[in-house]
Protein backbone atom coordinates (compact mmCIF):
# COMPACT_ATOMS: atom_id res chain seq x y z
CA MET A 1 109.68 38.46 220.79
CA PRO A 2 106.05 39.25 221.52
CA LYS A 3 104.31 37.16 224.43
CA PRO A 4 102.29 34.27 222.95
CA ILE A 5 98.36 35.26 223.02
CA ALA A 6 96.34 32.54 225.14
CA VAL A 7 93.50 31.32 223.13
CA THR A 8 90.62 28.87 224.20
CA ILE A 9 88.80 26.96 221.43
CA GLU A 10 85.25 25.34 221.54
CA THR A 11 84.11 23.29 218.55
CA THR A 12 81.36 21.39 216.95
CA PRO A 13 81.55 19.14 213.55
CA LYS A 14 80.01 22.28 212.00
CA LYS A 15 81.67 25.45 213.88
CA ALA A 16 84.46 26.41 215.85
CA PHE A 17 85.05 29.40 217.72
CA ALA A 18 88.57 30.77 219.16
CA SER A 19 88.52 33.06 222.07
CA ALA A 20 91.78 35.16 223.40
CA ALA A 21 91.58 34.16 227.18
CA ASP A 22 92.67 37.36 228.65
CA TRP A 23 90.79 40.09 226.19
CA PRO A 24 86.96 40.02 226.63
CA GLY A 25 85.27 40.35 223.38
CA TRP A 26 87.88 39.13 221.12
CA SER A 27 86.61 35.83 219.87
CA ARG A 28 85.67 34.65 216.22
CA GLY A 29 83.90 31.66 214.71
CA ALA A 30 84.83 30.03 211.67
CA LYS A 31 84.08 26.40 210.01
CA THR A 32 87.01 24.85 211.83
CA GLU A 33 89.63 25.43 214.27
CA ASP A 34 92.25 26.64 212.04
CA LEU A 35 89.80 29.08 210.16
CA ALA A 36 88.68 30.26 213.48
CA LEU A 37 92.26 30.96 214.41
CA GLU A 38 93.10 32.56 211.34
CA ALA A 39 90.00 35.01 211.73
CA LEU A 40 90.90 35.75 215.33
CA ALA A 41 94.38 36.94 214.23
CA ALA A 42 92.89 39.30 211.37
CA TYR A 43 90.57 41.14 213.92
CA ALA A 44 93.42 42.20 216.04
CA ALA A 45 93.57 45.60 214.59
CA ARG A 46 89.86 45.77 215.17
CA TYR A 47 90.14 44.76 218.52
CA ALA A 48 93.12 47.07 219.31
CA PRO A 49 90.86 50.44 220.02
CA VAL A 50 88.82 48.70 222.75
CA ALA A 51 92.50 47.47 224.25
CA GLU A 52 93.92 50.98 223.75
CA ALA A 53 90.90 52.60 225.44
CA VAL A 54 91.76 51.27 229.05
CA GLY A 55 95.48 51.72 228.32
CA SER A 56 96.46 48.56 227.63
CA ASP A 57 99.64 47.33 225.28
CA PHE A 58 97.97 45.75 222.99
CA PRO A 59 99.53 43.98 219.47
CA LYS A 60 97.85 46.23 216.23
CA ALA A 61 98.77 43.00 214.08
CA VAL A 62 99.01 39.34 215.11
CA GLU A 63 100.00 36.26 213.16
CA VAL A 64 98.36 32.96 213.86
CA GLU A 65 101.86 31.45 214.74
CA GLY A 66 101.84 33.91 217.91
CA LEU A 67 98.33 32.58 219.19
CA ASP A 68 98.80 29.70 221.66
CA VAL A 69 95.81 27.29 222.08
CA VAL A 70 95.64 26.48 226.04
CA GLU A 71 92.63 24.93 226.14
CA ARG A 72 90.05 22.73 223.73
CA GLN A 73 86.77 22.09 224.64
CA ALA A 74 83.48 20.43 222.68
CA GLY A 75 81.01 23.36 221.84
CA SER A 76 77.46 22.92 221.92
CA SER A 77 74.18 23.91 219.74
CA GLY A 78 74.92 27.56 220.79
CA THR A 79 78.38 27.34 219.33
CA GLU A 80 76.85 25.85 215.89
CA PHE A 81 74.34 28.80 215.97
CA GLY A 82 77.45 31.32 216.10
CA VAL A 83 78.20 32.14 219.94
CA PRO A 84 80.99 31.47 221.94
CA SER A 85 78.88 29.63 224.17
CA GLN A 86 80.79 27.61 226.69
CA PRO A 87 82.95 28.85 229.68
CA SER A 88 86.29 27.37 229.88
CA ASP A 89 88.39 26.49 232.73
CA HIS A 90 90.57 29.51 231.94
CA ASP A 91 87.50 31.61 232.68
CA ARG A 92 86.97 30.03 236.01
CA ARG A 93 90.55 31.26 237.42
CA PRO A 94 90.08 33.46 240.17
CA LEU A 95 90.49 37.30 239.96
CA THR A 96 92.36 39.82 241.83
CA PRO A 97 90.80 43.45 242.39
CA ALA A 98 92.76 44.69 239.33
CA ASP A 99 91.73 41.65 237.06
CA ALA A 100 88.18 42.40 237.73
CA GLU A 101 88.69 46.27 237.13
CA ARG A 102 90.34 45.43 233.74
CA LEU A 103 87.55 43.26 232.77
CA ALA A 104 84.90 45.83 233.74
CA ARG A 105 86.72 48.58 231.61
CA LEU A 106 87.26 46.55 228.40
CA VAL A 107 83.45 45.29 228.65
CA GLU A 108 82.63 49.47 229.11
CA ALA A 109 85.14 50.10 226.00
CA ALA A 110 83.21 47.51 224.27
CA TRP A 111 79.92 49.35 224.51
CA SER A 112 80.95 52.54 224.17
CA ALA A 113 82.78 51.37 220.71
CA PHE A 114 78.98 49.88 219.78
CA ASP A 115 77.29 53.24 220.91
CA ARG A 116 79.78 55.23 218.72
CA ILE A 117 79.38 52.99 215.60
CA ALA A 118 75.79 52.53 215.73
CA ALA A 119 75.22 56.60 216.08
CA ALA A 120 77.46 57.14 212.82
CA ALA A 121 75.50 54.65 210.91
CA PRO A 122 72.98 55.07 208.55
CA GLU A 123 69.38 53.83 209.36
CA GLU A 124 69.64 51.56 206.37
CA LEU A 125 72.56 49.20 206.16
CA ARG A 126 73.82 47.20 202.98
CA LYS A 127 71.79 43.86 202.45
CA GLY A 128 73.29 40.56 202.62
CA PRO A 129 73.68 38.52 199.25
CA ARG A 130 70.16 37.30 199.75
CA GLY A 131 68.60 40.69 201.05
CA GLY A 132 68.62 40.09 204.19
CA GLY A 133 69.87 41.50 207.45
CA ARG A 134 68.39 44.12 210.07
CA ASN A 135 68.95 47.67 209.78
CA THR A 136 70.70 49.86 212.43
CA ALA A 137 67.77 50.45 214.82
CA LYS A 138 66.86 47.03 214.84
CA ILE A 139 70.57 45.87 215.74
CA VAL A 140 70.81 48.64 218.40
CA ALA A 141 67.39 47.20 219.63
CA HIS A 142 68.65 43.66 219.60
CA VAL A 143 71.73 44.21 221.49
CA MET A 144 69.99 45.97 224.22
CA ASP A 145 67.60 42.93 224.64
CA ALA A 146 70.52 40.51 224.73
CA ASP A 147 72.18 42.63 227.57
CA ARG A 148 69.30 42.62 229.57
CA ALA A 149 69.35 38.75 229.13
CA TYR A 150 72.97 38.93 229.95
CA ALA A 151 72.30 41.17 233.31
CA ASN A 152 69.75 38.32 234.32
CA GLU A 153 72.61 35.71 233.91
CA ILE A 154 74.94 37.69 236.00
CA GLY A 155 72.08 37.78 238.74
CA ILE A 156 70.41 41.45 237.93
CA LYS A 157 66.81 41.54 237.13
CA ILE A 158 65.98 44.79 234.40
CA ARG A 159 62.60 45.50 233.31
CA GLN A 160 62.01 46.18 229.63
CA PHE A 161 63.02 49.63 228.41
CA ALA A 162 63.06 51.39 224.93
CA PRO A 163 66.67 50.65 223.49
CA GLY A 164 66.86 54.79 222.85
CA ASP A 165 66.21 55.35 226.36
CA ARG A 166 69.72 56.41 227.54
CA ALA A 167 68.83 56.35 231.51
CA PRO A 168 67.90 53.11 232.09
CA VAL A 169 70.53 51.82 229.28
CA GLY A 170 73.07 53.35 231.75
CA ALA A 171 71.81 52.13 235.02
CA MET A 172 71.87 48.44 233.82
CA ARG A 173 75.25 48.81 232.38
CA ALA A 174 76.17 50.16 235.52
CA ALA A 175 74.98 47.72 237.49
CA MET A 176 76.52 44.59 235.23
CA LEU A 177 79.97 46.80 235.81
CA ASP A 178 79.54 46.44 239.54
CA VAL A 179 79.32 42.71 239.40
CA LEU A 180 82.31 42.28 237.27
CA ARG A 181 84.20 44.43 239.46
CA ALA A 182 82.84 42.53 242.76
CA ALA A 183 83.77 39.16 241.30
CA ARG A 184 86.58 37.43 242.95
CA ASP A 185 86.39 33.63 243.10
CA GLY A 186 86.14 32.43 239.58
CA GLY A 187 82.75 31.13 240.55
CA PRO A 188 79.31 31.64 238.48
CA LEU A 189 77.76 34.74 239.08
CA GLY A 190 74.62 35.17 240.59
CA GLY A 191 73.97 31.68 241.40
CA ARG A 192 73.79 30.75 237.61
CA ARG A 193 76.28 29.49 235.21
CA TRP A 194 78.69 32.13 233.99
CA PRO A 195 82.05 32.91 235.71
CA ALA A 196 82.81 36.63 235.82
CA ARG A 197 85.60 36.17 232.99
CA TYR A 198 83.23 34.45 230.54
CA ALA A 199 80.33 36.88 231.28
CA ALA A 200 82.95 39.61 230.34
CA HIS A 201 83.90 38.08 227.34
CA ARG A 202 80.14 37.06 226.25
CA ILE A 203 78.90 40.97 226.91
CA ALA A 204 82.10 42.42 225.08
CA TRP A 205 81.90 39.92 222.11
CA HIS A 206 78.09 40.45 221.32
CA ALA A 207 78.57 44.28 221.42
CA LEU A 208 81.58 44.18 219.24
CA ASP A 209 80.60 41.51 216.78
CA HIS A 210 77.17 43.55 216.06
CA ALA A 211 79.20 46.86 215.91
CA TRP A 212 81.52 45.32 213.20
CA GLU A 213 78.60 43.79 211.64
CA ILE A 214 77.24 47.72 211.08
CA GLU A 215 80.38 48.67 210.08
CA ASP A 216 80.76 45.99 207.35
CA ARG A 217 77.22 46.59 206.05
CA THR A 218 78.11 50.48 205.82
CA GLU A 219 80.85 50.52 203.96
CA SER A 220 83.25 47.70 202.35
CA PRO A 221 84.63 45.65 204.89
CA PRO A 222 88.57 44.85 205.12
CA SER A 223 89.78 42.62 202.49
CA GLY A 224 89.13 38.78 204.05
CA VAL A 225 87.56 40.14 206.74
CA GLN A 226 83.73 39.55 208.04
CA SER A 227 81.68 39.50 211.18
CA THR A 228 79.86 36.74 212.18
CA GLY A 229 76.67 38.18 212.73
């Protein structure tokens, strides 16, 4: 029988997020905890290529019954906005060198997935039901801006750059991965608020969430599966 997948939950009256504690980037939100768990299980197949890119043995199909909620906590305004925004006690666990390297490699795989999907997408994406939604270039710019902010959260100052300028993007990402690889004690990075496990999760989640948004707005999404945007 497969080992249960440890999941942490953050909730507010209007929104809940379920996050796989040991798989950075695999997190889904919904109106309730039960719906968030269902969404997390449904996205296992979409997360699998990221896990497999670093040689991890990852299940391609997950049932809600295979998710083990190991921690629950109150969410925040960020949770209600649509972001898994609360570091958990599980995120504060110390890391071995192998743990830290694994986190960095999964974040790198999430970035690679985003780059690949964005590069293959048309510039104009299908609009939402009310005619809204950014085009591909604006989504790429948004993800790059967010990564600059995330770099600051882990103690790295990055000057503004053009989203399509690969040299500063590569340098920023390399610096962020170096910080994650060096993390050990589970404490906040860069004198700020985020422990390494949460930083890895937040960075990877944001890249994947928008990669999946691009996919969903390029072609018909899998039945019952939509990105949270």
